[in-house]
Amino acid sequence: MVAILEVRVFHQIKTNFMKYVALILVVTTVWTAYELWRAPLMEETDDGRLVTKRPTRKLSDLWKKYK
C-alpha cells in the first residue's frame, strides 16, 4: 500500500514538473520570436559603419494597421 502511494505521489510531482517545463518552453519561444521581430535591421557601409535600415519596433506596432 505504501509503495502504491509513493508511486502516485512521484507521478503527480513528475506531471506537475513537466507542466512547468512546457510552460517555460512556450514562454521562452514566444519571447525569442518577439525579440527577433523587433530587432533593428542594420546594413554595413563600405567604410565599415553600421547604418539602421529599419528602426527597432515596439509592442504597439503589432496592432498597427499599415496602408
Protein backbone atom coordinates (compact mmCIF):
# COMPACT_ATOMS: atom_id res chain seq x y z
CA MET A 1 0.00 0.00 0.00
CA VAL A 2 2.82 2.38 0.85
CA ALA A 3 4.61 1.61 -2.44
CA ILE A 4 1.46 2.40 -4.44
CA LEU A 5 1.06 5.70 -2.59
CA GLU A 6 4.71 6.60 -3.24
CA VAL A 7 4.32 5.85 -6.95
CA ARG A 8 1.21 8.05 -7.16
CA VAL A 9 2.93 10.93 -5.39
CA PHE A 10 6.00 10.60 -7.61
CA HIS A 11 3.79 10.53 -10.71
CA GLN A 12 1.95 13.66 -9.55
CA ILE A 13 5.23 15.51 -8.91
CA LYS A 14 6.57 14.41 -12.30
CA THR A 15 3.38 15.58 -14.05
CA ASN A 16 3.48 19.00 -12.35
CA PHE A 17 7.17 19.37 -13.19
CA MET A 18 6.52 18.59 -16.86
CA LYS A 19 3.73 21.20 -16.97
CA TYR A 20 6.13 23.85 -15.67
CA VAL A 21 8.81 22.82 -18.15
CA ALA A 22 6.31 23.01 -21.02
CA LEU A 23 5.10 26.43 -19.87
CA ILE A 24 8.67 27.75 -19.64
CA LEU A 25 9.40 26.37 -23.12
CA VAL A 26 6.36 28.11 -24.62
CA VAL A 27 7.12 31.41 -22.89
CA THR A 28 10.77 31.44 -23.98
CA THR A 29 9.79 30.56 -27.56
CA VAL A 30 7.30 33.43 -27.75
CA TRP A 31 9.81 35.82 -26.16
CA THR A 32 12.54 34.80 -28.61
CA ALA A 33 10.20 35.25 -31.59
CA TYR A 34 9.23 38.72 -30.34
CA GLU A 35 12.87 39.74 -29.86
CA LEU A 36 13.72 38.58 -33.38
CA TRP A 37 10.74 40.51 -34.78
CA ARG A 38 11.59 43.76 -33.01
CA ALA A 39 15.33 43.77 -33.75
CA PRO A 40 16.51 46.64 -35.93
CA LEU A 41 17.64 45.88 -39.47
CA MET A 42 21.24 47.02 -39.89
CA GLU A 43 23.36 47.44 -43.00
CA GLU A 44 27.14 47.73 -43.19
CA THR A 45 28.50 50.51 -45.37
CA ASP A 46 31.69 50.35 -47.44
CA ASP A 47 33.75 52.02 -44.71
CA GLY A 48 32.59 49.51 -42.05
CA ARG A 49 29.97 51.61 -40.24
CA LEU A 50 26.58 50.14 -39.39
CA VAL A 51 23.54 52.06 -40.60
CA THR A 52 19.99 51.37 -39.49
CA LYS A 53 17.70 50.42 -42.38
CA ARG A 54 14.67 49.77 -40.18
CA PRO A 55 14.47 51.06 -36.59
CA THR A 56 13.52 48.97 -33.57
CA ARG A 57 9.84 48.11 -33.43
CA LYS A 58 7.61 48.49 -30.37
CA LEU A 59 4.97 46.14 -29.00
CA SER A 60 2.22 48.54 -30.10
CA ASP A 61 3.39 48.08 -33.71
CA LEU A 62 1.88 44.60 -33.66
CA TRP A 63 -1.63 46.07 -33.69
CA LYS A 64 -0.94 48.91 -36.09
CA LYS A 65 -2.59 48.80 -39.50
CA TYR A 66 -0.24 49.53 -42.35
CA LYS A 67 -1.50 51.07 -45.58
